[in-house]
C-alpha atoms as a PDB file:
ATOM      1  CA  UNK A   1      -6.063   8.217  39.153  1.00  0.00           C
ATOM      2  CA  UNK A   2      -4.153  11.536  39.114  1.00  0.00           C
ATOM      3  CA  UNK A   3      -5.372  12.360  35.873  1.00  0.00           C
ATOM      4  CA  UNK A   4      -8.957  11.927  37.145  1.00  0.00           C
ATOM      5  CA  UNK A   5      -8.241  14.202  40.042  1.00  0.00           C
ATOM      6  CA  UNK A   6      -6.784  16.819  37.965  1.00  0.00           C
ATOM      7  CA  UNK A   7      -9.754  16.979  35.708  1.00  0.00           C
ATOM      8  CA  UNK A   8     -12.139  17.219  38.548  1.00  0.00           C
ATOM      9  CA  UNK A   9     -10.071  20.171  40.002  1.00  0.00           C
ATOM     10  CA  UNK A  10     -10.262  22.082  36.659  1.00  0.00           C
ATOM     11  CA  UNK A  11     -14.111  21.493  36.391  1.00  0.00           C
ATOM     12  CA  UNK A  12     -14.301  22.937  39.973  1.00  0.00           C
ATOM     13  CA  UNK A  13     -12.401  26.030  38.979  1.00  0.00           C
ATOM     14  CA  UNK A  14     -14.344  26.836  36.084  1.00  0.00           C
ATOM     15  CA  UNK A  15     -17.584  26.431  37.970  1.00  0.00           C
ATOM     16  CA  UNK A  16     -16.164  28.799  40.892  1.00  0.00           C
ATOM     17  CA  UNK A  17     -15.156  31.349  38.191  1.00  0.00           C
ATOM     18  CA  UNK A  18     -18.678  31.400  36.643  1.00  0.00           C
ATOM     19  CA  UNK A  19     -20.326  31.882  39.818  1.00  0.00           C
ATOM     20  CA  UNK A  20     -18.189  35.042  40.663  1.00  0.00           C
ATOM     21  CA  UNK A  21     -18.643  36.448  37.371  1.00  0.00           C
ATOM     22  CA  UNK A  22     -22.505  36.056  37.692  1.00  0.00           C
ATOM     23  CA  UNK A  23     -22.262  37.867  41.288  1.00  0.00           C
ATOM     24  CA  UNK A  24     -20.215  40.666  39.747  1.00  0.00           C
ATOM     25  CA  UNK A  25     -22.744  41.215  36.862  1.00  0.00           C
ATOM     26  CA  UNK A  26     -25.680  41.549  39.191  1.00  0.00           C
ATOM     27  CA  UNK A  27     -23.782  44.254  41.265  1.00  0.00           C
ATOM     28  CA  UNK A  28     -23.136  46.511  38.196  1.00  0.00           C
ATOM     29  CA  UNK A  29     -25.146  48.976  36.685  1.00  0.00           C
ATOM     30  CA  UNK A  30     -27.427  51.854  37.837  1.00  0.00           C
ATOM     31  CA  UNK A  31     -31.139  51.199  38.089  1.00  0.00           C
ATOM     32  CA  UNK A  32     -33.354  52.573  35.217  1.00  0.00           C
ATOM     33  CA  UNK A  33     -35.717  55.426  36.621  1.00  0.00           C
ATOM     34  CA  UNK A  34     -38.875  56.507  34.771  1.00  0.00           C
ATOM     35  CA  UNK A  35     -38.334  60.303  34.554  1.00  0.00           C
ATOM     36  CA  UNK A  36     -41.567  60.917  32.889  1.00  0.00           C
ATOM     37  CA  UNK A  37     -43.507  60.433  36.123  1.00  0.00           C
ATOM     38  CA  UNK A  38     -45.542  63.290  37.667  1.00  0.00           C
ATOM     39  CA  UNK A  39     -43.016  65.510  39.709  1.00  0.00           C
ATOM     40  CA  UNK A  40     -43.357  64.889  43.350  1.00  0.00           C
ATOM     41  CA  UNK A  41     -43.922  60.991  42.835  1.00  0.00           C
ATOM     42  CA  UNK A  42     -41.628  58.800  44.779  1.00  0.00           C
ATOM     43  CA  UNK A  43     -40.228  55.435  43.567  1.00  0.00           C
ATOM     44  CA  UNK A  44     -39.435  52.756  46.274  1.00  0.00           C
ATOM     45  CA  UNK A  45     -37.996  50.388  43.490  1.00  0.00           C
ATOM     46  CA  UNK A  46     -37.101  50.246  39.849  1.00  0.00           C
ATOM     47  CA  UNK A  47     -37.842  48.026  36.940  1.00  0.00           C
ATOM     48  CA  UNK A  48     -34.659  47.359  34.633  1.00  0.00           C
ATOM     49  CA  UNK A  49     -35.486  47.921  31.028  1.00  0.00           C
ATOM     50  CA  UNK A  50     -38.881  49.083  31.428  1.00  0.00           C
ATOM     51  CA  UNK A  51     -40.077  51.366  28.668  1.00  0.00           C
ATOM     52  CA  UNK A  52     -40.680  54.947  29.568  1.00  0.00           C
ATOM     53  CA  UNK A  53     -44.308  56.052  30.144  1.00  0.00           C
ATOM     54  CA  UNK A  54     -45.555  58.659  27.549  1.00  0.00           C
ATOM     55  CA  UNK A  55     -48.404  60.694  28.869  1.00  0.00           C
ATOM     56  CA  UNK A  56     -51.001  61.173  26.159  1.00  0.00           C
ATOM     57  CA  UNK A  57     -53.522  62.662  28.291  1.00  0.00           C
ATOM     58  CA  UNK A  58     -55.379  65.327  26.339  1.00  0.00           C
ATOM     59  CA  UNK A  59     -54.754  68.928  27.250  1.00  0.00           C
ATOM     60  CA  UNK A  60     -56.911  71.919  27.108  1.00  0.00           C
ATOM     61  CA  UNK A  61     -57.572  74.154  24.146  1.00  0.00           C
ATOM     62  CA  UNK A  62     -54.915  76.668  24.113  1.00  0.00           C
ATOM     63  CA  UNK A  63     -52.021  74.184  25.631  1.00  0.00           C
ATOM     64  CA  UNK A  64     -49.551  71.784  24.135  1.00  0.00           C
ATOM     65  CA  UNK A  65     -47.742  68.796  25.373  1.00  0.00           C
ATOM     66  CA  UNK A  66     -44.043  68.702  24.469  1.00  0.00           C
ATOM     67  CA  UNK A  67     -43.144  65.594  22.450  1.00  0.00           C
ATOM     68  CA  UNK A  68     -39.665  64.146  21.805  1.00  0.00           C
ATOM     69  CA  UNK A  69     -37.712  66.116  19.285  1.00  0.00           C
ATOM     70  CA  UNK A  70     -39.726  69.362  19.871  1.00  0.00           C
ATOM     71  CA  UNK A  71     -38.104  72.782  19.961  1.00  0.00           C
ATOM     72  CA  UNK A  72     -39.891  75.993  21.066  1.00  0.00           C
ATOM     73  CA  UNK A  73     -39.421  77.589  18.002  1.00  0.00           C
ATOM     74  CA  UNK A  74     -41.075  74.977  15.734  1.00  0.00           C
ATOM     75  CA  UNK A  75     -44.017  74.745  18.612  1.00  0.00           C
ATOM     76  CA  UNK A  76     -44.320  78.590  18.259  1.00  0.00           C
ATOM     77  CA  UNK A  77     -44.420  78.217  14.451  1.00  0.00           C
ATOM     78  CA  UNK A  78     -47.043  75.501  14.490  1.00  0.00           C
ATOM     79  CA  UNK A  79     -49.212  77.619  16.841  1.00  0.00           C
ATOM     80  CA  UNK A  80     -48.946  80.956  14.973  1.00  0.00           C
ATOM     81  CA  UNK A  81     -47.233  82.567  17.867  1.00  0.00           C
ATOM     82  CA  UNK A  82     -44.015  84.407  18.890  1.00  0.00           C
ATOM     83  CA  UNK A  83     -41.718  81.819  20.601  1.00  0.00           C
ATOM     84  CA  UNK A  84     -40.640  84.488  23.141  1.00  0.00           C
ATOM     85  CA  UNK A  85     -44.359  85.082  24.059  1.00  0.00           C
ATOM     86  CA  UNK A  86     -44.775  81.459  24.554  1.00  0.00           C
ATOM     87  CA  UNK A  87     -41.414  81.441  26.742  1.00  0.00           C
ATOM     88  CA  UNK A  88     -43.050  84.382  28.754  1.00  0.00           C
ATOM     89  CA  UNK A  89     -46.401  82.804  29.308  1.00  0.00           C
ATOM     90  CA  UNK A  90     -44.764  79.853  30.636  1.00  0.00           C
ATOM     91  CA  UNK A  91     -42.004  81.387  32.671  1.00  0.00           C
ATOM     92  CA  UNK A  92     -39.272  79.814  30.440  1.00  0.00           C
ATOM     93  CA  UNK A  93     -36.029  81.490  30.925  1.00  0.00           C
ATOM     94  CA  UNK A  94     -34.047  79.618  28.217  1.00  0.00           C
ATOM     95  CA  UNK A  95     -36.122  78.800  24.934  1.00  0.00           C
ATOM     96  CA  UNK A  96     -33.650  75.862  24.281  1.00  0.00           C
ATOM     97  CA  UNK A  97     -34.692  74.050  27.605  1.00  0.00           C
ATOM     98  CA  UNK A  98     -38.047  72.504  27.356  1.00  0.00           C
ATOM     99  CA  UNK A  99     -38.833  68.908  28.777  1.00  0.00           C
ATOM    100  CA  UNK A 100     -40.755  66.028  27.151  1.00  0.00           C
ATOM    101  CA  UNK A 101     -44.107  65.847  28.692  1.00  0.00           C
ATOM    102  CA  UNK A 102     -44.253  69.541  29.772  1.00  0.00           C
ATOM    103  CA  UNK A 103     -47.552  71.318  29.024  1.00  0.00           C
ATOM    104  CA  UNK A 104     -47.292  74.758  27.630  1.00  0.00           C
ATOM    105  CA  UNK A 105     -49.511  77.349  27.074  1.00  0.00           C
ATOM    106  CA  UNK A 106     -49.692  78.322  23.267  1.00  0.00           C
ATOM    107  CA  UNK A 107     -52.315  80.816  23.325  1.00  0.00           C
ATOM    108  CA  UNK A 108     -52.521  84.208  25.159  1.00  0.00           C
ATOM    109  CA  UNK A 109     -53.867  84.196  28.585  1.00  0.00           C
ATOM    110  CA  UNK A 110     -56.651  86.506  29.307  1.00  0.00           C
ATOM    111  CA  UNK A 111     -55.711  90.087  29.043  1.00  0.00           C
ATOM    112  CA  UNK A 112     -52.538  89.343  27.217  1.00  0.00           C
ATOM    113  CA  UNK A 113     -52.370  90.620  23.584  1.00  0.00           C
ATOM    114  CA  UNK A 114     -49.296  88.911  22.635  1.00  0.00           C
ATOM    115  CA  UNK A 115     -46.445  90.774  20.716  1.00  0.00           C
ATOM    116  CA  UNK A 116     -47.806  94.158  19.620  1.00  0.00           C
ATOM    117  CA  UNK A 117     -47.873  94.504  15.797  1.00  0.00           C
ATOM    118  CA  UNK A 118     -47.245  97.712  13.730  1.00  0.00           C
ATOM    119  CA  UNK A 119     -50.476  99.441  13.109  1.00  0.00           C
ATOM    120  CA  UNK A 120     -51.494 101.255   9.960  1.00  0.00           C
ATOM    121  CA  UNK A 121     -54.512 102.313   8.073  1.00  0.00           C
ATOM    122  CA  UNK A 122     -56.405  99.527   6.281  1.00  0.00           C
ATOM    123  CA  UNK A 123     -55.724  99.054   2.556  1.00  0.00           C
ATOM    124  CA  UNK A 124     -58.642 100.489   0.507  1.00  0.00           C
ATOM    125  CA  UNK A 125     -59.067  98.482  -2.722  1.00  0.00           C
ATOM    126  CA  UNK A 126     -55.496  97.258  -3.074  1.00  0.00           C
ATOM    127  CA  UNK A 127     -54.577  96.315  -6.772  1.00  0.00           C
ATOM    128  CA  UNK A 128     -54.340  92.575  -7.364  1.00  0.00           C
ATOM    129  CA  UNK A 129     -50.586  93.141  -8.418  1.00  0.00           C
ATOM    130  CA  UNK A 130     -49.815  93.983  -4.937  1.00  0.00           C
ATOM    131  CA  UNK A 131     -49.390  97.250  -2.800  1.00  0.00           C
ATOM    132  CA  UNK A 132     -45.605  97.217  -3.465  1.00  0.00           C
ATOM    133  CA  UNK A 133     -45.991  97.890  -7.147  1.00  0.00           C
ATOM    134  CA  UNK A 134     -45.077  94.280  -8.209  1.00  0.00           C
ATOM    135  CA  UNK A 135     -46.393  93.238 -11.632  1.00  0.00           C
ATOM    136  CA  UNK A 136     -47.186  89.756 -12.849  1.00  0.00           C
ATOM    137  CA  UNK A 137     -43.862  89.540 -14.763  1.00  0.00           C
ATOM    138  CA  UNK A 138     -41.845  91.178 -11.967  1.00  0.00           C
ATOM    139  CA  UNK A 139     -43.537  90.185  -8.692  1.00  0.00           C
ATOM    140  CA  UNK A 140     -40.605  91.245  -6.297  1.00  0.00           C
ATOM    141  CA  UNK A 141     -38.550  93.746  -8.060  1.00  0.00           C
ATOM    142  CA  UNK A 142     -40.215  96.832  -6.805  1.00  0.00           C
ATOM    143  CA  UNK A 143     -39.600  98.487  -3.614  1.00  0.00           C
ATOM    144  CA  UNK A 144     -42.271  99.225  -0.969  1.00  0.00           C
ATOM    145  CA  UNK A 145     -44.136 102.630  -1.637  1.00  0.00           C
ATOM    146  CA  UNK A 146     -43.918 105.526   0.492  1.00  0.00           C
ATOM    147  CA  UNK A 147     -47.794 105.477   1.141  1.00  0.00           C
ATOM    148  CA  UNK A 148     -48.134 103.953   4.561  1.00  0.00           C
ATOM    149  CA  UNK A 149     -51.337 102.219   3.383  1.00  0.00           C
ATOM    150  CA  UNK A 150     -49.188  99.929   1.410  1.00  0.00           C
ATOM    151  CA  UNK A 151     -47.802  98.245   4.534  1.00  0.00           C
ATOM    152  CA  UNK A 152     -50.959  97.715   6.406  1.00  0.00           C
ATOM    153  CA  UNK A 153     -51.544  94.234   7.906  1.00  0.00           C
ATOM    154  CA  UNK A 154     -54.868  92.611   7.215  1.00  0.00           C
ATOM    155  CA  UNK A 155     -57.443  92.576   9.769  1.00  0.00           C
ATOM    156  CA  UNK A 156     -57.095  89.550  12.281  1.00  0.00           C
ATOM    157  CA  UNK A 157     -58.875  86.645  10.805  1.00  0.00           C
ATOM    158  CA  UNK A 158     -59.777  88.487   7.528  1.00  0.00           C
ATOM    159  CA  UNK A 159     -58.469  88.032   4.020  1.00  0.00           C
ATOM    160  CA  UNK A 160     -54.750  88.331   3.454  1.00  0.00           C
ATOM    161  CA  UNK A 161     -53.325  89.850   0.317  1.00  0.00           C
ATOM    162  CA  UNK A 162     -49.543  89.238  -0.155  1.00  0.00           C
ATOM    163  CA  UNK A 163     -47.044  90.007  -2.920  1.00  0.00           C
ATOM    164  CA  UNK A 164     -44.604  87.455  -4.372  1.00  0.00           C
ATOM    165  CA  UNK A 165     -41.764  87.194  -1.943  1.00  0.00           C
ATOM    166  CA  UNK A 166     -38.919  86.418  -4.839  1.00  0.00           C
ATOM    167  CA  UNK A 167     -38.633  86.261  -8.436  1.00  0.00           C
ATOM    168  CA  UNK A 168     -38.448  82.975 -10.064  1.00  0.00           C
ATOM    169  CA  UNK A 169     -40.062  79.940 -11.259  1.00  0.00           C
ATOM    170  CA  UNK A 170     -42.493  77.850  -8.491  1.00  0.00           C
ATOM    171  CA  UNK A 171     -40.542  74.464  -8.506  1.00  0.00           C
ATOM    172  CA  UNK A 172     -42.586  72.790  -5.687  1.00  0.00           C
ATOM    173  CA  UNK A 173     -46.292  73.436  -4.928  1.00  0.00           C
ATOM    174  CA  UNK A 174     -48.067  73.301  -1.626  1.00  0.00           C
ATOM    175  CA  UNK A 175     -49.721  69.959  -0.462  1.00  0.00           C
ATOM    176  CA  UNK A 176     -50.791  68.726   2.966  1.00  0.00           C
ATOM    177  CA  UNK A 177     -48.437  65.998   3.419  1.00  0.00           C
ATOM    178  CA  UNK A 178     -44.821  66.741   1.835  1.00  0.00           C
ATOM    179  CA  UNK A 179     -44.523  70.360   1.075  1.00  0.00           C
ATOM    180  CA  UNK A 180     -45.917  72.929   3.525  1.00  0.00           C
ATOM    181  CA  UNK A 181     -45.505  75.858   1.173  1.00  0.00           C
ATOM    182  CA  UNK A 182     -44.046  77.014  -2.160  1.00  0.00           C
ATOM    183  CA  UNK A 183     -40.450  76.416  -3.681  1.00  0.00           C
ATOM    184  CA  UNK A 184     -39.363  79.332  -5.671  1.00  0.00           C
ATOM    185  CA  UNK A 185     -36.109  78.862  -7.559  1.00  0.00           C
ATOM    186  CA  UNK A 186     -33.422  81.547  -8.139  1.00  0.00           C
ATOM    187  CA  UNK A 187     -29.808  82.481  -7.752  1.00  0.00           C
ATOM    188  CA  UNK A 188     -27.635  82.645  -4.720  1.00  0.00           C
ATOM    189  CA  UNK A 189     -27.969  86.199  -3.404  1.00  0.00           C
ATOM    190  CA  UNK A 190     -31.207  87.176  -5.154  1.00  0.00           C
ATOM    191  CA  UNK A 191     -33.368  89.298  -3.051  1.00  0.00           C
ATOM    192  CA  UNK A 192     -36.021  87.773  -0.761  1.00  0.00           C
ATOM    193  CA  UNK A 193     -38.705  90.379   0.216  1.00  0.00           C
ATOM    194  CA  UNK A 194     -41.517  90.462   2.642  1.00  0.00           C
ATOM    195  CA  UNK A 195     -44.844  89.250   1.376  1.00  0.00           C
ATOM    196  CA  UNK A 196     -46.866  91.678   3.669  1.00  0.00           C
ATOM    197  CA  UNK A 197     -46.129  94.085   6.237  1.00  0.00           C
ATOM    198  CA  UNK A 198     -45.813  92.799   9.889  1.00  0.00           C
ATOM    199  CA  UNK A 199     -43.085  92.243  12.671  1.00  0.00           C
ATOM    200  CA  UNK A 200     -40.237  89.751  12.469  1.00  0.00           C
ATOM    201  CA  UNK A 201     -40.783  87.191  15.198  1.00  0.00           C
ATOM    202  CA  UNK A 202     -37.882  85.040  14.398  1.00  0.00           C
ATOM    203  CA  UNK A 203     -34.782  85.179  12.563  1.00  0.00           C
ATOM    204  CA  UNK A 204     -32.009  82.725  12.786  1.00  0.00           C
ATOM    205  CA  UNK A 205     -31.459  78.982  11.963  1.00  0.00           C
ATOM    206  CA  UNK A 206     -32.802  77.059  14.951  1.00  0.00           C
ATOM    207  CA  UNK A 207     -35.628  75.095  13.017  1.00  0.00           C
ATOM    208  CA  UNK A 208     -34.253  71.870  11.429  1.00  0.00           C
ATOM    209  CA  UNK A 209     -35.055  71.651   7.764  1.00  0.00           C
ATOM    210  CA  UNK A 210     -35.442  75.376   7.228  1.00  0.00           C
ATOM    211  CA  UNK A 211     -32.060  76.627   7.431  1.00  0.00           C
ATOM    212  CA  UNK A 212     -31.602  80.363   7.797  1.00  0.00           C
ATOM    213  CA  UNK A 213     -35.171  81.545   8.335  1.00  0.00           C
ATOM    214  CA  UNK A 214     -37.225  84.587   8.704  1.00  0.00           C
ATOM    215  CA  UNK A 215     -40.763  84.532  10.156  1.00  0.00           C
ATOM    216  CA  UNK A 216     -43.232  87.429   9.921  1.00  0.00           C
ATOM    217  CA  UNK A 217     -46.189  87.866  11.888  1.00  0.00           C
ATOM    218  CA  UNK A 218     -48.807  89.984  10.150  1.00  0.00           C
ATOM    219  CA  UNK A 219     -51.672  89.989  12.509  1.00  0.00           C
ATOM    220  CA  UNK A 220     -53.307  87.786  15.209  1.00  0.00           C
ATOM    221  CA  UNK A 221     -54.069  85.168  12.536  1.00  0.00           C
ATOM    222  CA  UNK A 222     -51.296  85.067   9.929  1.00  0.00           C
ATOM    223  CA  UNK A 223     -47.689  84.289   9.693  1.00  0.00           C
ATOM    224  CA  UNK A 224     -45.251  83.979   6.687  1.00  0.00           C
ATOM    225  CA  UNK A 225     -41.974  82.129   6.504  1.00  0.00           C
ATOM    226  CA  UNK A 226     -39.122  82.308   4.388  1.00  0.00           C
ATOM    227  CA  UNK A 227     -36.510  79.538   4.527  1.00  0.00           C
ATOM    228  CA  UNK A 228     -33.164  78.266   2.930  1.00  0.00           C
ATOM    229  CA  UNK A 229     -31.574  81.951   2.888  1.00  0.00           C
ATOM    230  CA  UNK A 230     -28.118  82.557   2.374  1.00  0.00           C
ATOM    231  CA  UNK A 231     -28.068  85.823   4.381  1.00  0.00           C
ATOM    232  CA  UNK A 232     -30.670  87.266   6.831  1.00  0.00           C
ATOM    233  CA  UNK A 233     -31.152  91.086   6.779  1.00  0.00           C
ATOM    234  CA  UNK A 234     -33.591  91.618   9.501  1.00  0.00           C
ATOM    235  CA  UNK A 235     -33.665  90.644  13.154  1.00  0.00           C
ATOM    236  CA  UNK A 236     -36.333  89.654  15.650  1.00  0.00           C
ATOM    237  CA  UNK A 237     -38.558  92.744  16.739  1.00  0.00           C
ATOM    238  CA  UNK A 238     -38.068  94.597  13.317  1.00  0.00           C
ATOM    239  CA  UNK A 239     -41.194  95.931  11.702  1.00  0.00           C
ATOM    240  CA  UNK A 240     -41.189  95.295   8.090  1.00  0.00           C
ATOM    241  CA  UNK A 241     -43.178  96.843   5.199  1.00  0.00           C
ATOM    242  CA  UNK A 242     -44.535  94.930   2.152  1.00  0.00           C
ATOM    243  CA  UNK A 243     -41.727  94.514  -0.614  1.00  0.00           C
ATOM    244  CA  UNK A 244     -38.877  95.231   1.890  1.00  0.00           C
ATOM    245  CA  UNK A 245     -35.767  93.202   1.271  1.00  0.00           C
ATOM    246  CA  UNK A 246     -35.475  90.897   4.274  1.00  0.00           C
ATOM    247  CA  UNK A 247     -32.763  88.271   3.184  1.00  0.00           C
ATOM    248  CA  UNK A 248     -30.690  86.785   0.190  1.00  0.00           C
ATOM    249  CA  UNK A 249     -31.700  83.542  -1.340  1.00  0.00           C
ATOM    250  CA  UNK A 250     -29.474  80.480  -0.743  1.00  0.00           C
ATOM    251  CA  UNK A 251     -29.402  76.771  -0.127  1.00  0.00           C
ATOM    252  CA  UNK A 252     -28.899  76.516   3.659  1.00  0.00           C
ATOM    253  CA  UNK A 253     -30.382  73.040   4.738  1.00  0.00           C
ATOM    254  CA  UNK A 254     -31.448  72.455   1.264  1.00  0.00           C
ATOM    255  CA  UNK A 255     -30.217  70.557  -1.753  1.00  0.00           C
ATOM    256  CA  UNK A 256     -30.568  73.516  -4.245  1.00  0.00           C
ATOM    257  CA  UNK A 257     -30.685  77.253  -4.239  1.00  0.00           C
ATOM    258  CA  UNK A 258     -34.431  78.254  -3.623  1.00  0.00           C
ATOM    259  CA  UNK A 259     -36.844  80.034  -1.357  1.00  0.00           C
ATOM    260  CA  UNK A 260     -39.345  77.960   0.723  1.00  0.00           C
ATOM    261  CA  UNK A 261     -42.243  80.307   1.394  1.00  0.00           C
ATOM    262  CA  UNK A 262     -45.058  79.205   3.754  1.00  0.00           C
ATOM    263  CA  UNK A 263     -48.171  81.174   4.789  1.00  0.00           C
ATOM    264  CA  UNK A 264     -49.748  79.825   8.219  1.00  0.00           C
ATOM    265  CA  UNK A 265     -53.288  80.557   9.457  1.00  0.00           C
ATOM    266  CA  UNK A 266     -53.512  79.983  13.108  1.00  0.00           C
ATOM    267  CA  UNK A 267     -50.287  78.184  12.961  1.00  0.00           C
ATOM    268  CA  UNK A 268     -51.546  75.727  10.185  1.00  0.00           C
ATOM    269  CA  UNK A 269     -50.020  75.741   6.894  1.00  0.00           C
ATOM    270  CA  UNK A 270     -52.127  76.871   3.941  1.00  0.00           C
ATOM    271  CA  UNK A 271     -51.656  77.056   0.233  1.00  0.00           C
ATOM    272  CA  UNK A 272     -49.808  80.389  -0.530  1.00  0.00           C
ATOM    273  CA  UNK A 273     -51.247  80.590  -4.028  1.00  0.00           C
ATOM    274  CA  UNK A 274     -54.591  81.584  -2.571  1.00  0.00           C
ATOM    275  CA  UNK A 275     -53.115  84.877  -1.062  1.00  0.00           C
ATOM    276  CA  UNK A 276     -50.860  85.736  -4.159  1.00  0.00           C
ATOM    277  CA  UNK A 277     -51.437  87.595  -7.208  1.00  0.00           C
ATOM    278  CA  UNK A 278     -51.273  85.531 -10.587  1.00  0.00           C
ATOM    279  CA  UNK A 279     -47.758  85.797 -11.973  1.00  0.00           C
END
């Protein structure tokens, strides 16, 4: 009899402890709040475990909606702009602070000409080997000529004539899916030169996958990008001439020493071979 009473007492104790644990678990933990809602919207309750709402409403031409993982530097590159201009157009004080779902203006507003570019007389009948004196066998060795016409940017929207940005063999060619430019082999410290005249709109290591990167804006249409450098020799805002040394080749954020070279038209990658003379 005493054994049966003791067993009942133990079962009752276990049930009581289980009920207390269940009550405690219901009281712990903050509610999940959907932070992707339109600013100013209030929420009277919350749904635990609900997936965040992603706004995929189309944005007008000239605007871009920030996606997870985006950085302002990459948004600027992919829209053919200086990231400082995009920050200014959107009143962004810190380029490292943008929010998922935020809609950004990525084209100049009316009356804004974006970052001014160096002006020079147009090139008259530039040789196919390039205005910096580079030859088919030595595409990047010659320095920029003193003639100011050699550093003229192409007219906006027109044809772009570039010189080779480095010596070396092409070890990776352009394709739309896996390589947005050319990979040119070389040795650490080899010179990297500007393929054309323009203004440096980015110099740093803020774009994942590019390492130490220089971006040059040549006109309202074209950018060139020079990635994986060991050392950067120019800074944002510098005006450069065709053939000017801007970096030293390296392997930053890459598996081998090489220059990754991109040409972008209106922010979209295009085959650099269409703008380079034959080697």
